[in-house]
Amino acid sequence: MPDEEEILKEVRAAFEREPRIDPHHYPVHMEIAEDGALILEGTVKNVAAKKLGLELAAATPGVRAIVDRLKVAPSAPMTDDEICD
């Protein structure tokens, strides 16, 4: 079984190879929790990028669980009143 650094390296490489995730403009922080779960935290471009990132992470050998703390960037900034309308 790969060690924690190898797992993180593989997941980062998978994110880098996938242009739809765009980690240069939307960086994702990754770490391994004490229980062995992979924590993904940050903001991604859209829902598709979030789902793709989770799929890539889950397909990485050694990843047993994922803590999803990814947020989707808003398409346009809006105030609460604009959202209500």
PDB file of N, CA and C in Angstrom:
ATOM      1  N   MET A   1       0.843  -1.181   0.000  1.00  0.00           N
ATOM      2  CA  MET A   1       0.000   0.000   0.000  1.00  0.00           C
ATOM      3  C   MET A   1       0.891   1.249   0.000  1.00  0.00           C
ATOM      4  N   PRO A   2       0.550   2.226  -0.836  1.00  0.00           N
ATOM      5  CA  PRO A   2       1.378   3.440  -0.910  1.00  0.00           C
ATOM      6  C   PRO A   2       1.319   4.241   0.390  1.00  0.00           C
ATOM      7  N   ASP A   3       2.419   4.948   0.677  1.00  0.00           N
ATOM      8  CA  ASP A   3       2.399   5.795   1.869  1.00  0.00           C
ATOM      9  C   ASP A   3       1.667   7.109   1.551  1.00  0.00           C
ATOM     10  N   GLU A   4       1.464   7.923   2.568  1.00  0.00           N
ATOM     11  CA  GLU A   4       0.665   9.147   2.445  1.00  0.00           C
ATOM     12  C   GLU A   4       1.226  10.105   1.387  1.00  0.00           C
ATOM     13  N   GLU A   5       2.532  10.292   1.369  1.00  0.00           N
ATOM     14  CA  GLU A   5       3.135  11.209   0.401  1.00  0.00           C
ATOM     15  C   GLU A   5       2.933  10.730  -1.030  1.00  0.00           C
ATOM     16  N   GLU A   6       3.024   9.412  -1.241  1.00  0.00           N
ATOM     17  CA  GLU A   6       2.803   8.863  -2.577  1.00  0.00           C
ATOM     18  C   GLU A   6       1.354   9.065  -3.021  1.00  0.00           C
ATOM     19  N   ILE A   7       0.425   8.880  -2.099  1.00  0.00           N
ATOM     20  CA  ILE A   7      -0.992   9.078  -2.409  1.00  0.00           C
ATOM     21  C   ILE A   7      -1.239  10.528  -2.806  1.00  0.00           C
ATOM     22  N   LEU A   8      -0.738  11.461  -2.013  1.00  0.00           N
ATOM     23  CA  LEU A   8      -0.920  12.882  -2.319  1.00  0.00           C
ATOM     24  C   LEU A   8      -0.286  13.237  -3.660  1.00  0.00           C
ATOM     25  N   LYS A   9       0.889  12.701  -3.919  1.00  0.00           N
ATOM     26  CA  LYS A   9       1.586  12.961  -5.182  1.00  0.00           C
ATOM     27  C   LYS A   9       0.753  12.455  -6.361  1.00  0.00           C
ATOM     28  N   GLU A  10       0.173  11.275  -6.234  1.00  0.00           N
ATOM     29  CA  GLU A  10      -0.646  10.691  -7.308  1.00  0.00           C
ATOM     30  C   GLU A  10      -1.914  11.497  -7.548  1.00  0.00           C
ATOM     31  N   VAL A  11      -2.570  11.923  -6.481  1.00  0.00           N
ATOM     32  CA  VAL A  11      -3.801  12.702  -6.637  1.00  0.00           C
ATOM     33  C   VAL A  11      -3.477  14.061  -7.258  1.00  0.00           C
ATOM     34  N   ARG A  12      -2.430  14.705  -6.798  1.00  0.00           N
ATOM     35  CA  ARG A  12      -2.030  15.996  -7.392  1.00  0.00           C
ATOM     36  C   ARG A  12      -1.714  15.843  -8.879  1.00  0.00           C
ATOM     37  N   ALA A  13      -1.017  14.769  -9.225  1.00  0.00           N
ATOM     38  CA  ALA A  13      -0.674  14.522 -10.627  1.00  0.00           C
ATOM     39  C   ALA A  13      -1.936  14.293 -11.463  1.00  0.00           C
ATOM     40  N   ALA A  14      -2.894  13.575 -10.920  1.00  0.00           N
ATOM     41  CA  ALA A  14      -4.155  13.345 -11.632  1.00  0.00           C
ATOM     42  C   ALA A  14      -4.895  14.660 -11.855  1.00  0.00           C
ATOM     43  N   PHE A  15      -4.893  15.529 -10.861  1.00  0.00           N
ATOM     44  CA  PHE A  15      -5.538  16.843 -10.993  1.00  0.00           C
ATOM     45  C   PHE A  15      -4.809  17.692 -12.042  1.00  0.00           C
ATOM     46  N   GLU A  16      -3.481  17.614 -12.065  1.00  0.00           N
ATOM     47  CA  GLU A  16      -2.691  18.389 -13.028  1.00  0.00           C
ATOM     48  C   GLU A  16      -2.961  17.935 -14.465  1.00  0.00           C
ATOM     49  N   ARG A  17      -3.145  16.642 -14.670  1.00  0.00           N
ATOM     50  CA  ARG A  17      -3.377  16.109 -16.009  1.00  0.00           C
ATOM     51  C   ARG A  17      -4.765  16.430 -16.551  1.00  0.00           C
ATOM     52  N   GLU A  18      -5.674  16.813 -15.670  1.00  0.00           N
ATOM     53  CA  GLU A  18      -7.056  17.055 -16.080  1.00  0.00           C
ATOM     54  C   GLU A  18      -7.303  18.555 -16.237  1.00  0.00           C
ATOM     55  N   PRO A  19      -7.380  19.066 -17.485  1.00  0.00           N
ATOM     56  CA  PRO A  19      -7.539  20.512 -17.689  1.00  0.00           C
ATOM     57  C   PRO A  19      -8.873  21.063 -17.177  1.00  0.00           C
ATOM     58  N   ARG A  20      -9.886  20.228 -17.053  1.00  0.00           N
ATOM     59  CA  ARG A  20     -11.189  20.726 -16.587  1.00  0.00           C
ATOM     60  C   ARG A  20     -11.175  21.077 -15.102  1.00  0.00           C
ATOM     61  N   ILE A  21     -10.208  20.558 -14.363  1.00  0.00           N
ATOM     62  CA  ILE A  21     -10.094  20.899 -12.940  1.00  0.00           C
ATOM     63  C   ILE A  21      -9.339  22.216 -12.762  1.00  0.00           C
ATOM     64  N   ASP A  22      -8.345  22.464 -13.589  1.00  0.00           N
ATOM     65  CA  ASP A  22      -7.589  23.722 -13.605  1.00  0.00           C
ATOM     66  C   ASP A  22      -7.016  24.094 -12.224  1.00  0.00           C
ATOM     67  N   PRO A  23      -6.124  23.244 -11.685  1.00  0.00           N
ATOM     68  CA  PRO A  23      -5.587  23.504 -10.344  1.00  0.00           C
ATOM     69  C   PRO A  23      -4.702  24.744 -10.242  1.00  0.00           C
ATOM     70  N   HIS A  24      -4.274  25.303 -11.369  1.00  0.00           N
ATOM     71  CA  HIS A  24      -3.452  26.516 -11.307  1.00  0.00           C
ATOM     72  C   HIS A  24      -4.296  27.739 -10.958  1.00  0.00           C
ATOM     73  N   HIS A  25      -5.516  27.786 -11.459  1.00  0.00           N
ATOM     74  CA  HIS A  25      -6.405  28.908 -11.154  1.00  0.00           C
ATOM     75  C   HIS A  25      -7.318  28.601  -9.965  1.00  0.00           C
ATOM     76  N   TYR A  26      -7.531  27.327  -9.694  1.00  0.00           N
ATOM     77  CA  TYR A  26      -8.390  26.901  -8.584  1.00  0.00           C
ATOM     78  C   TYR A  26      -7.628  25.861  -7.762  1.00  0.00           C
ATOM     79  N   PRO A  27      -6.682  26.300  -6.930  1.00  0.00           N
ATOM     80  CA  PRO A  27      -5.878  25.344  -6.165  1.00  0.00           C
ATOM     81  C   PRO A  27      -6.714  24.577  -5.142  1.00  0.00           C
ATOM     82  N   VAL A  28      -6.369  23.319  -4.998  1.00  0.00           N
ATOM     83  CA  VAL A  28      -7.038  22.447  -4.032  1.00  0.00           C
ATOM     84  C   VAL A  28      -5.989  21.975  -3.024  1.00  0.00           C
ATOM     85  N   HIS A  29      -6.270  22.226  -1.748  1.00  0.00           N
ATOM     86  CA  HIS A  29      -5.383  21.762  -0.678  1.00  0.00           C
ATOM     87  C   HIS A  29      -5.725  20.304  -0.379  1.00  0.00           C
ATOM     88  N   MET A  30      -4.705  19.473  -0.260  1.00  0.00           N
ATOM     89  CA  MET A  30      -4.895  18.047   0.016  1.00  0.00           C
ATOM     90  C   MET A  30      -4.052  17.637   1.205  1.00  0.00           C
ATOM     91  N   GLU A  31      -4.646  16.805   2.038  1.00  0.00           N
ATOM     92  CA  GLU A  31      -3.895  16.217   3.150  1.00  0.00           C
ATOM     93  C   GLU A  31      -4.548  14.909   3.550  1.00  0.00           C
ATOM     94  N   ILE A  32      -3.797  14.114   4.267  1.00  0.00           N
ATOM     95  CA  ILE A  32      -4.305  12.837   4.768  1.00  0.00           C
ATOM     96  C   ILE A  32      -4.603  13.012   6.249  1.00  0.00           C
ATOM     97  N   ALA A  33      -5.826  12.679   6.657  1.00  0.00           N
ATOM     98  CA  ALA A  33      -6.233  12.788   8.061  1.00  0.00           C
ATOM     99  C   ALA A  33      -5.644  11.628   8.862  1.00  0.00           C
ATOM    100  N   GLU A  34      -5.758  11.730  10.169  1.00  0.00           N
ATOM    101  CA  GLU A  34      -5.238  10.682  11.053  1.00  0.00           C
ATOM    102  C   GLU A  34      -5.877   9.325  10.786  1.00  0.00           C
ATOM    103  N   ASP A  35      -7.157   9.344  10.379  1.00  0.00           N
ATOM    104  CA  ASP A  35      -7.844   8.078  10.111  1.00  0.00           C
ATOM    105  C   ASP A  35      -7.562   7.545   8.705  1.00  0.00           C
ATOM    106  N   GLY A  36      -6.715   8.251   7.941  1.00  0.00           N
ATOM    107  CA  GLY A  36      -6.336   7.799   6.608  1.00  0.00           C
ATOM    108  C   GLY A  36      -7.175   8.364   5.482  1.00  0.00           C
ATOM    109  N   ALA A  37      -8.166   9.180   5.796  1.00  0.00           N
ATOM    110  CA  ALA A  37      -9.021   9.763   4.763  1.00  0.00           C
ATOM    111  C   ALA A  37      -8.289  10.902   4.057  1.00  0.00           C
ATOM    112  N   LEU A  38      -8.524  11.026   2.769  1.00  0.00           N
ATOM    113  CA  LEU A  38      -7.973  12.124   1.982  1.00  0.00           C
ATOM    114  C   LEU A  38      -8.906  13.317   2.116  1.00  0.00           C
ATOM    115  N   ILE A  39      -8.362  14.451   2.540  1.00  0.00           N
ATOM    116  CA  ILE A  39      -9.149  15.679   2.678  1.00  0.00           C
ATOM    117  C   ILE A  39      -8.851  16.571   1.480  1.00  0.00           C
ATOM    118  N   LEU A  40      -9.911  16.949   0.757  1.00  0.00           N
ATOM    119  CA  LEU A  40      -9.802  17.873  -0.370  1.00  0.00           C
ATOM    120  C   LEU A  40     -10.501  19.158   0.029  1.00  0.00           C
ATOM    121  N   GLU A  41      -9.787  20.274  -0.042  1.00  0.00           N
ATOM    122  CA  GLU A  41     -10.343  21.544   0.414  1.00  0.00           C
ATOM    123  C   GLU A  41      -9.953  22.656  -0.551  1.00  0.00           C
ATOM    124  N   GLY A  42     -10.938  23.461  -0.929  1.00  0.00           N
ATOM    125  CA  GLY A  42     -10.688  24.576  -1.818  1.00  0.00           C
ATOM    126  C   GLY A  42     -11.917  24.908  -2.634  1.00  0.00           C
ATOM    127  N   THR A  43     -11.722  25.725  -3.641  1.00  0.00           N
ATOM    128  CA  THR A  43     -12.804  26.133  -4.530  1.00  0.00           C
ATOM    129  C   THR A  43     -12.472  25.658  -5.927  1.00  0.00           C
ATOM    130  N   VAL A  44     -13.468  25.087  -6.599  1.00  0.00           N
ATOM    131  CA  VAL A  44     -13.303  24.624  -7.972  1.00  0.00           C
ATOM    132  C   VAL A  44     -14.190  25.439  -8.903  1.00  0.00           C
ATOM    133  N   LYS A  45     -13.913  25.350 -10.188  1.00  0.00           N
ATOM    134  CA  LYS A  45     -14.549  26.154 -11.210  1.00  0.00           C
ATOM    135  C   LYS A  45     -16.052  25.922 -11.330  1.00  0.00           C
ATOM    136  N   ASN A  46     -16.477  24.659 -11.300  1.00  0.00           N
ATOM    137  CA  ASN A  46     -17.891  24.323 -11.479  1.00  0.00           C
ATOM    138  C   ASN A  46     -18.188  22.944 -10.886  1.00  0.00           C
ATOM    139  N   VAL A  47     -19.444  22.546 -10.950  1.00  0.00           N
ATOM    140  CA  VAL A  47     -19.858  21.268 -10.367  1.00  0.00           C
ATOM    141  C   VAL A  47     -19.176  20.101 -11.084  1.00  0.00           C
ATOM    142  N   ALA A  48     -19.021  20.212 -12.396  1.00  0.00           N
ATOM    143  CA  ALA A  48     -18.369  19.147 -13.155  1.00  0.00           C
ATOM    144  C   ALA A  48     -16.933  18.936 -12.689  1.00  0.00           C
ATOM    145  N   ALA A  49     -16.209  20.019 -12.439  1.00  0.00           N
ATOM    146  CA  ALA A  49     -14.833  19.916 -11.957  1.00  0.00           C
ATOM    147  C   ALA A  49     -14.795  19.268 -10.574  1.00  0.00           C
ATOM    148  N   LYS A  50     -15.765  19.588  -9.734  1.00  0.00           N
ATOM    149  CA  LYS A  50     -15.824  18.997  -8.398  1.00  0.00           C
ATOM    150  C   LYS A  50     -16.046  17.485  -8.495  1.00  0.00           C
ATOM    151  N   LYS A  51     -17.019  17.081  -9.295  1.00  0.00           N
ATOM    152  CA  LYS A  51     -17.315  15.649  -9.437  1.00  0.00           C
ATOM    153  C   LYS A  51     -16.127  14.905 -10.043  1.00  0.00           C
ATOM    154  N   LEU A  52     -15.507  15.495 -11.038  1.00  0.00           N
ATOM    155  CA  LEU A  52     -14.359  14.872 -11.677  1.00  0.00           C
ATOM    156  C   LEU A  52     -13.192  14.732 -10.699  1.00  0.00           C
ATOM    157  N   GLY A  53     -12.949  15.769  -9.914  1.00  0.00           N
ATOM    158  CA  GLY A  53     -11.887  15.701  -8.917  1.00  0.00           C
ATOM    159  C   GLY A  53     -12.122  14.606  -7.889  1.00  0.00           C
ATOM    160  N   LEU A  54     -13.361  14.484  -7.440  1.00  0.00           N
ATOM    161  CA  LEU A  54     -13.690  13.432  -6.474  1.00  0.00           C
ATOM    162  C   LEU A  54     -13.514  12.049  -7.093  1.00  0.00           C
ATOM    163  N   GLU A  55     -13.894  11.897  -8.351  1.00  0.00           N
ATOM    164  CA  GLU A  55     -13.728  10.612  -9.036  1.00  0.00           C
ATOM    165  C   GLU A  55     -12.250  10.263  -9.202  1.00  0.00           C
ATOM    166  N   LEU A  56     -11.447  11.244  -9.602  1.00  0.00           N
ATOM    167  CA  LEU A  56     -10.014  11.001  -9.765  1.00  0.00           C
ATOM    168  C   LEU A  56      -9.363  10.623  -8.438  1.00  0.00           C
ATOM    169  N   ALA A  57      -9.735  11.324  -7.388  1.00  0.00           N
ATOM    170  CA  ALA A  57      -9.175  11.022  -6.065  1.00  0.00           C
ATOM    171  C   ALA A  57      -9.579   9.622  -5.615  1.00  0.00           C
ATOM    172  N   ALA A  58     -10.840   9.269  -5.811  1.00  0.00           N
ATOM    173  CA  ALA A  58     -11.328   7.955  -5.383  1.00  0.00           C
ATOM    174  C   ALA A  58     -10.664   6.823  -6.166  1.00  0.00           C
ATOM    175  N   ALA A  59     -10.266   7.086  -7.411  1.00  0.00           N
ATOM    176  CA  ALA A  59      -9.646   6.060  -8.242  1.00  0.00           C
ATOM    177  C   ALA A  59      -8.162   5.871  -7.948  1.00  0.00           C
ATOM    178  N   THR A  60      -7.595   6.726  -7.118  1.00  0.00           N
ATOM    179  CA  THR A  60      -6.175   6.640  -6.789  1.00  0.00           C
ATOM    180  C   THR A  60      -5.927   5.503  -5.805  1.00  0.00           C
ATOM    181  N   PRO A  61      -4.986   4.601  -6.133  1.00  0.00           N
ATOM    182  CA  PRO A  61      -4.682   3.501  -5.204  1.00  0.00           C
ATOM    183  C   PRO A  61      -4.251   4.029  -3.835  1.00  0.00           C
ATOM    184  N   GLY A  62      -4.787   3.443  -2.802  1.00  0.00           N
ATOM    185  CA  GLY A  62      -4.444   3.829  -1.434  1.00  0.00           C
ATOM    186  C   GLY A  62      -5.443   4.778  -0.799  1.00  0.00           C
ATOM    187  N   VAL A  63      -6.304   5.414  -1.597  1.00  0.00           N
ATOM    188  CA  VAL A  63      -7.318   6.308  -1.039  1.00  0.00           C
ATOM    189  C   VAL A  63      -8.469   5.444  -0.533  1.00  0.00           C
ATOM    190  N   ARG A  64      -8.691   5.497   0.787  1.00  0.00           N
ATOM    191  CA  ARG A  64      -9.731   4.675   1.407  1.00  0.00           C
ATOM    192  C   ARG A  64     -11.018   5.446   1.621  1.00  0.00           C
ATOM    193  N   ALA A  65     -10.913   6.739   1.833  1.00  0.00           N
ATOM    194  CA  ALA A  65     -12.081   7.588   2.081  1.00  0.00           C
ATOM    195  C   ALA A  65     -11.710   9.012   1.688  1.00  0.00           C
ATOM    196  N   ILE A  66     -12.738   9.816   1.386  1.00  0.00           N
ATOM    197  CA  ILE A  66     -12.521  11.207   0.996  1.00  0.00           C
ATOM    198  C   ILE A  66     -13.406  12.106   1.838  1.00  0.00           C
ATOM    199  N   VAL A  67     -12.803  13.160   2.358  1.00  0.00           N
ATOM    200  CA  VAL A  67     -13.558  14.209   3.043  1.00  0.00           C
ATOM    201  C   VAL A  67     -13.657  15.354   2.040  1.00  0.00           C
ATOM    202  N   ASP A  68     -14.870  15.612   1.573  1.00  0.00           N
ATOM    203  CA  ASP A  68     -15.114  16.605   0.532  1.00  0.00           C
ATOM    204  C   ASP A  68     -15.401  17.964   1.152  1.00  0.00           C
ATOM    205  N   ARG A  69     -14.418  18.852   1.059  1.00  0.00           N
ATOM    206  CA  ARG A  69     -14.591  20.232   1.509  1.00  0.00           C
ATOM    207  C   ARG A  69     -14.432  21.186   0.320  1.00  0.00           C
ATOM    208  N   LEU A  70     -14.731  20.668  -0.864  1.00  0.00           N
ATOM    209  CA  LEU A  70     -14.627  21.479  -2.069  1.00  0.00           C
ATOM    210  C   LEU A  70     -15.881  22.325  -2.229  1.00  0.00           C
ATOM    211  N   LYS A  71     -15.686  23.569  -2.634  1.00  0.00           N
ATOM    212  CA  LYS A  71     -16.793  24.484  -2.895  1.00  0.00           C
ATOM    213  C   LYS A  71     -16.743  24.854  -4.373  1.00  0.00           C
ATOM    214  N   VAL A  72     -17.902  25.176  -4.921  1.00  0.00           N
ATOM    215  CA  VAL A  72     -17.988  25.585  -6.318  1.00  0.00           C
ATOM    216  C   VAL A  72     -18.007  27.108  -6.375  1.00  0.00           C
ATOM    217  N   ALA A  73     -17.160  27.668  -7.230  1.00  0.00           N
ATOM    218  CA  ALA A  73     -17.096  29.125  -7.388  1.00  0.00           C
ATOM    219  C   ALA A  73     -18.410  29.631  -7.973  1.00  0.00           C
ATOM    220  N   PRO A  74     -18.922  30.729  -7.466  1.00  0.00           N
ATOM    221  CA  PRO A  74     -20.154  31.289  -8.040  1.00  0.00           C
ATOM    222  C   PRO A  74     -19.908  31.776  -9.463  1.00  0.00           C
ATOM    223  N   SER A  75     -20.907  31.610 -10.316  1.00  0.00           N
ATOM    224  CA  SER A  75     -20.746  32.054 -11.704  1.00  0.00           C
ATOM    225  C   SER A  75     -20.701  33.577 -11.791  1.00  0.00           C
ATOM    226  N   ALA A  76     -21.437  34.243 -10.891  1.00  0.00           N
ATOM    227  CA  ALA A  76     -21.411  35.702 -10.830  1.00  0.00           C
ATOM    228  C   ALA A  76     -21.661  36.100  -9.389  1.00  0.00           C
ATOM    229  N   PRO A  77     -20.889  37.050  -8.843  1.00  0.00           N
ATOM    230  CA  PRO A  77     -21.132  37.486  -7.475  1.00  0.00           C
ATOM    231  C   PRO A  77     -22.504  38.165  -7.368  1.00  0.00           C
ATOM    232  N   MET A  78     -23.261  37.784  -6.341  1.00  0.00           N
ATOM    233  CA  MET A  78     -24.603  38.354  -6.139  1.00  0.00           C
ATOM    234  C   MET A  78     -24.818  38.637  -4.656  1.00  0.00           C
ATOM    235  N   THR A  79     -25.598  39.658  -4.393  1.00  0.00           N
ATOM    236  CA  THR A  79     -25.970  39.976  -3.014  1.00  0.00           C
ATOM    237  C   THR A  79     -27.117  39.061  -2.608  1.00  0.00           C
ATOM    238  N   ASP A  80     -27.438  39.054  -1.316  1.00  0.00           N
ATOM    239  CA  ASP A  80     -28.546  38.233  -0.832  1.00  0.00           C
ATOM    240  C   ASP A  80     -29.860  38.640  -1.491  1.00  0.00           C
ATOM    241  N   ASP A  81     -30.066  39.945  -1.675  1.00  0.00           N
ATOM    242  CA  ASP A  81     -31.316  40.426  -2.308  1.00  0.00           C
ATOM    243  C   ASP A  81     -31.407  39.930  -3.751  1.00  0.00           C
ATOM    244  N   GLU A  82     -30.295  39.941  -4.470  1.00  0.00           N
ATOM    245  CA  GLU A  82     -30.315  39.465  -5.846  1.00  0.00           C
ATOM    246  C   GLU A  82     -30.622  37.971  -5.913  1.00  0.00           C
ATOM    247  N   ILE A  83     -30.111  37.218  -4.963  1.00  0.00           N
ATOM    248  CA  ILE A  83     -30.398  35.784  -4.915  1.00  0.00           C
ATOM    249  C   ILE A  83     -31.874  35.543  -4.646  1.00  0.00           C
ATOM    250  N   CYS A  84     -32.451  36.309  -3.738  1.00  0.00           N
ATOM    251  CA  CYS A  84     -33.877  36.175  -3.410  1.00  0.00           C
ATOM    252  C   CYS A  84     -34.771  36.476  -4.608  1.00  0.00           C
ATOM    253  N   ASP A  85     -34.360  37.449  -5.408  1.00  0.00           N
ATOM    254  CA  ASP A  85     -35.149  37.799  -6.589  1.00  0.00           C
ATOM    255  C   ASP A  85     -35.098  36.684  -7.589  1.00  0.00           C
TER     256      ASP A  85
END
